[in-house]
Amino acid sequence: MLGDVALDDSSGALEPWELKSGARTNPIANHSLELWKTFGNWVRAVKNEEFKVENTRFHLRIWRERRGVTCEEFARASTQQEAASAVGKAKELFFTPRGLLRKGVAKEIRREVLDVFAPENLGMLREIVLRFHLSFGTKSSYEELLDRLRTKLIDEEICTDVLLYALGWVKREIDDAIENRRLPIIAVDVFRNEVNSFRNRLKSREFLPSFAGEPSTEAIESHKLRVFVRQMLFVEFAEDRVLSGISDFLAAKTNRVQYANRGLVHRDSFEEFERALESAWRNHRDEIELNRGEDDVTRGQRLALRCFGERVRLQGMDVPWHFVPGCYHALADEPAIGWHPRYTTLLKGT
């Protein structure tokens, strides 16, 4: 139970962050379910020895500035006495002097406040409040991140590109960890090395960044009947491969437009790039067709996978990992190429 995000260092210090939007509701209002659920989660985590309270700083981050008397008092408490006083005042909001739950307490938060202010948990709560930190965003997390990158000496002209790459890289790393049942942890040094390496490649103009975000579910669904998708199904690619192919196709399409609009790539270079892809496709196809011992589906999958793994440069620059397979899918959508040995016949029959 490390929260939405957690910072951990080699000394054993831990900082779990709970992130709240605050766009439509006030997550730090005195009677907010979000507030007491957050403190309830922290109390239970300490109680279950998921982390040691003495080595932990508890952080609540709100996307926009909000007001909340109790939460702000918790955040101002810097001594044991102040923490005890703040907890005592908060308890009086929900409980009578005899320790009974007040009648006006909303049903939705009763369970949380009963747990948070249970007699056996009050000591832990005071320790959490003593180590509690509250911060607010500016309502523009993207701009905040850009400002942070600028303080790290990231050049202004490539700052946006570095941020887009960093966001995509972090998401891929976390998704991969979760899919492979590993803890979704990214070491600070690994992140810094990745960002610095990417920045240096951009400054040397040897690499084209990706300007494509994650496609929406609706966008992916709307492309499931495309020709290139049918071509993947002809060679019986699994559903996850098909969905990945649609994402690559959309990302490559977006980046082609961005590269042209930003003046990074001349239109003639796209044509040269496609000719290089088609040439590689023909070479792989002719080599694979020499081995007729494999069935059509296997040969088709082998051809596609070889093509997707090609490392073709665009105007002398390396491209994002999805760009080559995405452009191959665009060619298969025309269809200038195909994967199944009899793809032209199969397309006519569908």
Protein backbone atom coordinates (compact mmCIF):
# COMPACT_ATOMS: atom_id res chain seq x y z
CA MET A 1 0.00 0.00 0.00
CA LEU A 2 2.49 2.61 -1.19
CA GLY A 3 -0.10 5.05 -2.55
CA ASP A 4 -0.47 6.32 -6.08
CA VAL A 5 3.27 7.05 -6.25
CA ALA A 6 6.07 6.44 -3.78
CA LEU A 7 9.61 7.75 -3.45
CA ASP A 8 12.16 5.46 -1.84
CA ASP A 9 15.86 6.03 -1.24
CA SER A 10 18.85 3.96 -0.17
CA SER A 11 18.64 5.21 3.44
CA GLY A 12 15.29 3.49 3.88
CA ALA A 13 13.27 6.72 3.89
CA LEU A 14 9.93 6.39 2.14
CA GLU A 15 7.48 8.99 0.82
CA PRO A 16 4.12 7.62 -0.34
CA TRP A 17 2.14 10.14 -2.41
CA GLU A 18 -1.63 10.23 -2.75
CA LEU A 19 -2.64 12.23 -5.84
CA LYS A 20 -6.03 13.94 -6.05
CA SER A 21 -7.54 15.99 -8.85
CA GLY A 22 -9.78 18.38 -6.93
CA ALA A 23 -11.34 19.45 -10.23
CA ARG A 24 -14.95 18.77 -9.25
CA THR A 25 -14.84 18.10 -5.52
CA ASN A 26 -12.69 19.22 -2.61
CA PRO A 27 -10.64 16.17 -1.51
CA ILE A 28 -9.40 17.90 1.66
CA ALA A 29 -12.73 19.19 2.96
CA ASN A 30 -13.37 18.21 6.59
CA HIS A 31 -15.98 15.62 5.63
CA SER A 32 -14.39 14.43 2.40
CA LEU A 33 -14.38 10.67 1.86
CA GLU A 34 -11.16 11.01 -0.17
CA LEU A 35 -9.40 12.65 2.77
CA TRP A 36 -10.33 10.06 5.37
CA LYS A 37 -9.85 7.16 3.01
CA THR A 38 -6.31 8.42 2.43
CA PHE A 39 -5.54 8.60 6.14
CA GLY A 40 -7.32 5.29 6.69
CA ASN A 41 -5.09 3.62 4.09
CA TRP A 42 -1.99 5.05 5.75
CA VAL A 43 -3.08 3.95 9.23
CA ARG A 44 -3.77 0.41 7.98
CA ALA A 45 -0.47 0.29 6.10
CA VAL A 46 1.50 1.25 9.22
CA LYS A 47 -0.56 -1.14 11.33
CA ASN A 48 0.19 -3.97 8.89
CA GLU A 49 3.91 -3.06 8.96
CA GLU A 50 4.00 -2.29 5.24
CA PHE A 51 6.36 0.54 6.11
CA LYS A 52 7.81 2.08 9.27
CA VAL A 53 6.17 5.33 10.31
CA GLU A 54 9.42 6.79 11.68
CA ASN A 55 11.06 6.54 8.24
CA THR A 56 8.08 7.78 6.26
CA ARG A 57 6.85 11.14 5.01
CA PHE A 58 3.18 11.07 4.01
CA HIS A 59 2.38 13.31 1.07
CA LEU A 60 -1.02 14.41 -0.28
CA ARG A 61 -0.86 16.26 -3.59
CA ILE A 62 -3.83 18.15 -5.03
CA TRP A 63 -3.90 19.22 -8.68
CA ARG A 64 -5.32 22.62 -7.73
CA GLU A 65 -5.34 24.64 -4.51
CA ARG A 66 -8.18 23.77 -2.13
CA ARG A 67 -9.05 24.70 1.44
CA GLY A 68 -9.65 22.27 4.29
CA VAL A 69 -9.30 23.33 7.93
CA THR A 70 -8.49 19.92 9.41
CA CYS A 71 -6.15 18.83 6.64
CA GLU A 72 -4.27 22.12 6.75
CA GLU A 73 -3.92 21.85 10.54
CA PHE A 74 -2.49 18.36 10.07
CA ALA A 75 0.02 19.77 7.58
CA ARG A 76 1.10 22.58 9.94
CA ALA A 77 1.74 20.25 12.89
CA SER A 78 5.48 20.08 13.46
CA THR A 79 5.66 18.85 17.09
CA GLN A 80 4.11 15.98 19.02
CA GLN A 81 1.93 18.45 20.92
CA GLU A 82 0.65 20.13 17.73
CA ALA A 83 -0.05 16.76 16.13
CA ALA A 84 -1.99 15.57 19.18
CA SER A 85 -3.98 18.81 19.26
CA ALA A 86 -4.84 18.59 15.54
CA VAL A 87 -5.95 14.97 15.88
CA GLY A 88 -8.05 15.84 18.93
CA LYS A 89 -9.85 18.66 17.09
CA ALA A 90 -10.47 16.40 14.10
CA LYS A 91 -11.92 13.68 16.29
CA GLU A 92 -14.38 16.15 17.83
CA LEU A 93 -15.88 16.68 14.36
CA PHE A 94 -17.14 13.11 14.30
CA PHE A 95 -17.35 11.90 17.90
CA THR A 96 -19.06 13.06 21.08
CA PRO A 97 -17.05 13.55 24.30
CA ARG A 98 -18.20 10.02 25.28
CA GLY A 99 -16.61 8.62 22.09
CA LEU A 100 -19.89 7.97 20.27
CA LEU A 101 -20.23 8.73 16.57
CA ARG A 102 -22.19 11.91 16.01
CA LYS A 103 -25.57 11.52 14.29
CA GLY A 104 -24.76 13.99 11.52
CA VAL A 105 -21.75 12.07 10.19
CA ALA A 106 -22.38 11.07 6.57
CA LYS A 107 -22.89 7.35 6.03
CA GLU A 108 -20.23 7.19 3.33
CA ILE A 109 -17.37 8.21 5.67
CA ARG A 110 -18.45 6.44 8.86
CA ARG A 111 -16.38 3.32 8.23
CA GLU A 112 -13.23 5.32 7.54
CA VAL A 113 -13.46 7.68 10.53
CA LEU A 114 -14.30 4.79 12.86
CA ASP A 115 -11.11 3.09 11.70
CA VAL A 116 -8.91 6.19 11.66
CA PHE A 117 -9.99 7.36 15.13
CA ALA A 118 -10.22 3.94 16.77
CA PRO A 119 -8.55 4.14 20.21
CA GLU A 120 -5.87 1.63 19.22
CA ASN A 121 -5.02 3.67 16.10
CA LEU A 122 -4.80 7.16 17.60
CA GLY A 123 -1.10 6.84 18.39
CA MET A 124 -0.30 5.86 14.81
CA LEU A 125 -2.50 8.66 13.48
CA ARG A 126 -0.61 11.26 15.52
CA GLU A 127 2.71 9.93 14.19
CA ILE A 128 1.37 10.10 10.62
CA VAL A 129 0.10 13.67 11.10
CA LEU A 130 3.49 14.68 12.46
CA ARG A 131 5.04 13.49 9.18
CA PHE A 132 2.24 14.67 6.89
CA HIS A 133 2.85 17.04 3.98
CA LEU A 134 0.23 18.79 1.82
CA SER A 135 1.02 20.38 -1.55
CA PHE A 136 -0.87 21.86 -4.46
CA GLY A 137 -0.36 21.94 -8.19
CA THR A 138 -1.01 24.80 -10.57
CA LYS A 139 -3.86 23.07 -12.49
CA SER A 140 -1.40 22.42 -15.34
CA SER A 141 0.71 19.38 -14.55
CA TYR A 142 2.16 19.39 -18.06
CA GLU A 143 3.53 22.92 -17.65
CA GLU A 144 4.83 22.03 -14.19
CA LEU A 145 6.78 19.14 -15.64
CA LEU A 146 8.17 21.36 -18.40
CA ASP A 147 9.35 23.86 -15.79
CA ARG A 148 11.02 21.07 -13.83
CA LEU A 149 12.86 19.91 -16.94
CA ARG A 150 14.02 23.45 -17.67
CA THR A 151 15.64 23.59 -14.22
CA LYS A 152 17.60 20.48 -15.22
CA LEU A 153 19.27 22.40 -18.07
CA ILE A 154 17.11 20.86 -20.78
CA ASP A 155 17.31 23.17 -23.81
CA GLU A 156 14.11 25.10 -24.50
CA GLU A 157 13.83 23.97 -28.12
CA ILE A 158 13.80 20.29 -27.20
CA CYS A 159 12.16 20.46 -23.74
CA THR A 160 8.70 19.45 -25.01
CA ASP A 161 10.16 16.54 -26.98
CA VAL A 162 12.09 15.30 -23.95
CA LEU A 163 8.98 15.47 -21.76
CA LEU A 164 6.82 13.55 -24.26
CA TYR A 165 9.49 10.88 -24.53
CA ALA A 166 9.92 10.65 -20.75
CA LEU A 167 6.17 10.25 -20.19
CA GLY A 168 5.96 7.49 -22.78
CA TRP A 169 9.06 5.74 -21.47
CA VAL A 170 7.84 5.76 -17.87
CA LYS A 171 4.46 4.35 -18.93
CA ARG A 172 6.10 1.54 -20.94
CA GLU A 173 8.40 0.66 -18.03
CA ILE A 174 5.52 0.55 -15.55
CA ASP A 175 3.22 -1.40 -17.88
CA ASP A 176 5.98 -3.92 -18.59
CA ALA A 177 6.68 -4.39 -14.87
CA ILE A 178 3.00 -4.94 -14.08
CA GLU A 179 2.49 -7.36 -16.99
CA ASN A 180 5.51 -9.38 -15.86
CA ARG A 181 4.46 -9.29 -12.19
CA ARG A 182 7.36 -7.14 -11.06
CA LEU A 183 7.10 -4.17 -8.72
CA PRO A 184 6.55 -1.05 -10.87
CA ILE A 185 9.66 0.70 -9.59
CA ILE A 186 11.93 3.02 -11.58
CA ALA A 187 15.28 3.93 -10.11
CA VAL A 188 16.09 7.65 -10.19
CA ASP A 189 19.49 7.03 -11.78
CA VAL A 190 17.95 4.87 -14.49
CA PHE A 191 15.37 7.57 -15.27
CA ARG A 192 17.99 10.33 -15.36
CA ASN A 193 20.29 8.31 -17.61
CA GLU A 194 17.44 7.56 -19.99
CA VAL A 195 16.34 11.20 -20.19
CA ASN A 196 19.89 12.52 -20.54
CA SER A 197 20.69 9.98 -23.23
CA PHE A 198 17.58 10.95 -25.16
CA ARG A 199 18.38 14.66 -24.77
CA ASN A 200 21.88 14.14 -26.12
CA ARG A 201 20.55 12.22 -29.12
CA LEU A 202 18.09 15.02 -29.86
CA LYS A 203 20.75 17.71 -29.63
CA SER A 204 22.95 15.77 -32.04
CA ARG A 205 19.97 15.48 -34.44
CA GLU A 206 20.55 11.75 -34.77
CA PHE A 207 17.14 10.80 -33.45
CA LEU A 208 13.52 11.73 -34.21
CA PRO A 209 11.29 11.92 -31.11
CA SER A 210 7.77 10.60 -30.89
CA PHE A 211 4.96 13.13 -30.64
CA ALA A 212 2.25 10.47 -30.37
CA GLY A 213 0.46 9.76 -27.12
CA GLU A 214 -1.37 6.60 -26.17
CA PRO A 215 -4.35 6.04 -28.52
CA SER A 216 -7.81 5.95 -26.99
CA THR A 217 -9.85 2.77 -26.79
CA GLU A 218 -12.30 4.33 -29.25
CA ALA A 219 -9.53 5.04 -31.76
CA ILE A 220 -8.27 1.47 -31.58
CA GLU A 221 -11.77 0.03 -31.95
CA SER A 222 -12.45 2.19 -35.01
CA HIS A 223 -9.44 0.70 -36.82
CA LYS A 224 -10.17 -2.98 -36.27
CA LEU A 225 -11.65 -3.38 -39.76
CA ARG A 226 -8.72 -1.80 -41.58
CA VAL A 227 -6.96 -3.75 -44.32
CA PHE A 228 -3.70 -3.99 -42.38
CA VAL A 229 -5.58 -5.57 -39.46
CA ARG A 230 -7.13 -8.17 -41.77
CA GLN A 231 -3.64 -8.87 -43.08
CA MET A 232 -2.45 -9.59 -39.54
CA LEU A 233 -5.41 -11.90 -38.99
CA PHE A 234 -4.59 -13.81 -42.21
CA VAL A 235 -1.41 -15.01 -40.47
CA GLU A 236 -3.21 -15.57 -37.17
CA PHE A 237 -1.50 -13.02 -35.00
CA ALA A 238 -2.79 -13.00 -31.41
CA GLU A 239 -5.11 -10.24 -30.24
CA ASP A 240 -2.42 -8.44 -28.24
CA ARG A 241 -0.21 -8.30 -31.33
CA VAL A 242 -3.11 -6.92 -33.38
CA LEU A 243 -3.86 -4.22 -30.78
CA SER A 244 -0.18 -3.33 -30.63
CA GLY A 245 -0.17 -3.11 -34.43
CA ILE A 246 -3.07 -0.64 -34.41
CA SER A 247 -1.27 1.50 -31.80
CA ASP A 248 1.91 1.46 -33.92
CA PHE A 249 -0.05 2.42 -37.03
CA LEU A 250 -1.70 5.39 -35.29
CA ALA A 251 1.56 6.55 -33.66
CA ALA A 252 3.48 6.38 -36.95
CA LYS A 253 0.71 8.30 -38.71
CA THR A 254 0.79 11.06 -36.08
CA ASN A 255 4.57 11.30 -36.17
CA ARG A 256 4.74 11.53 -39.95
CA VAL A 257 2.47 14.57 -39.78
CA GLN A 258 4.47 16.12 -36.93
CA TYR A 259 7.84 15.53 -38.61
CA ALA A 260 6.58 17.25 -41.77
CA ASN A 261 4.85 20.13 -39.98
CA ARG A 262 7.87 20.82 -37.78
CA GLY A 263 10.22 20.76 -40.75
CA LEU A 264 12.21 17.87 -39.33
CA VAL A 265 11.80 15.64 -42.39
CA HIS A 266 11.37 16.53 -46.07
CA ARG A 267 8.51 14.80 -47.90
CA ASP A 268 10.94 13.17 -50.35
CA SER A 269 12.60 11.43 -47.41
CA PHE A 270 9.33 9.68 -46.52
CA GLU A 271 9.18 8.22 -50.03
CA GLU A 272 12.79 7.02 -49.76
CA PHE A 273 11.98 5.50 -46.37
CA GLU A 274 9.00 3.59 -47.78
CA ARG A 275 11.07 2.32 -50.69
CA ALA A 276 13.66 1.04 -48.20
CA LEU A 277 10.91 -0.75 -46.23
CA GLU A 278 9.48 -2.35 -49.38
CA SER A 279 12.95 -3.45 -50.47
CA ALA A 280 13.56 -5.11 -47.09
CA TRP A 281 10.11 -6.76 -47.32
CA ARG A 282 10.90 -8.25 -50.74
CA ASN A 283 14.28 -9.55 -49.58
CA HIS A 284 12.78 -11.21 -46.50
CA ARG A 285 9.85 -12.60 -48.51
CA ASP A 286 12.08 -14.14 -51.19
CA GLU A 287 14.37 -15.72 -48.57
CA ILE A 288 11.47 -17.14 -46.55
CA GLU A 289 9.77 -18.52 -49.66
CA LEU A 290 12.84 -20.69 -50.30
CA ASN A 291 11.71 -22.82 -47.36
CA ARG A 292 8.38 -24.33 -48.38
CA GLY A 293 8.55 -26.79 -45.51
CA GLU A 294 6.64 -24.31 -43.33
CA ASP A 295 2.93 -23.62 -43.77
CA ASP A 296 1.63 -20.33 -45.16
CA VAL A 297 0.67 -18.88 -41.78
CA THR A 298 4.07 -19.58 -40.24
CA ARG A 299 5.90 -18.10 -43.23
CA GLY A 300 3.66 -15.05 -43.08
CA GLN A 301 4.28 -14.47 -39.39
CA ARG A 302 8.01 -14.92 -39.89
CA LEU A 303 7.98 -12.34 -42.70
CA ALA A 304 6.06 -9.80 -40.64
CA LEU A 305 8.26 -10.20 -37.56
CA ARG A 306 11.44 -9.80 -39.61
CA CYS A 307 10.08 -6.63 -41.16
CA PHE A 308 8.93 -5.20 -37.83
CA GLY A 309 12.45 -5.70 -36.50
CA GLU A 310 14.11 -3.72 -39.32
CA ARG A 311 16.22 -0.73 -38.30
CA VAL A 312 15.72 1.75 -41.10
CA ARG A 313 16.73 5.39 -40.61
CA LEU A 314 14.64 8.31 -41.81
CA GLN A 315 16.65 11.12 -43.38
CA GLY A 316 19.73 9.76 -41.64
CA MET A 317 18.08 9.75 -38.20
CA ASP A 318 16.95 6.95 -35.91
CA VAL A 319 13.19 6.67 -35.43
CA PRO A 320 11.01 5.67 -32.44
CA TRP A 321 10.57 1.95 -31.86
CA HIS A 322 7.00 1.93 -33.19
CA PHE A 323 7.70 3.86 -36.39
CA VAL A 324 8.99 1.05 -38.62
CA PRO A 325 6.22 -1.46 -37.78
CA GLY A 326 3.67 1.38 -37.95
CA CYS A 327 4.82 2.34 -41.46
CA TYR A 328 4.79 -1.31 -42.51
CA HIS A 329 1.16 -1.49 -41.39
CA ALA A 330 0.45 1.62 -43.47
CA LEU A 331 1.96 -0.13 -46.52
CA ALA A 332 -0.07 -3.26 -45.77
CA ASP A 333 -3.17 -1.07 -45.57
CA GLU A 334 -2.78 0.20 -49.16
CA PRO A 335 -2.01 -2.78 -49.73
CA ALA A 336 1.44 -2.37 -51.26
CA ILE A 337 2.73 -5.37 -49.30
CA GLY A 338 1.33 -8.32 -47.39
CA TRP A 339 2.32 -11.04 -44.96
CA HIS A 340 0.45 -14.16 -46.06
CA PRO A 341 1.94 -15.70 -49.26
CA ARG A 342 -1.53 -15.43 -50.85
CA TYR A 343 -2.55 -12.08 -49.31
CA THR A 344 -3.82 -10.60 -52.60
CA THR A 345 -6.18 -13.52 -53.15
CA LEU A 346 -7.36 -13.50 -49.55
CA LEU A 347 -8.11 -9.77 -49.67
CA LYS A 348 -10.22 -10.20 -52.79
CA GLY A 349 -12.24 -12.85 -51.05
CA THR A 350 -13.09 -10.74 -47.98
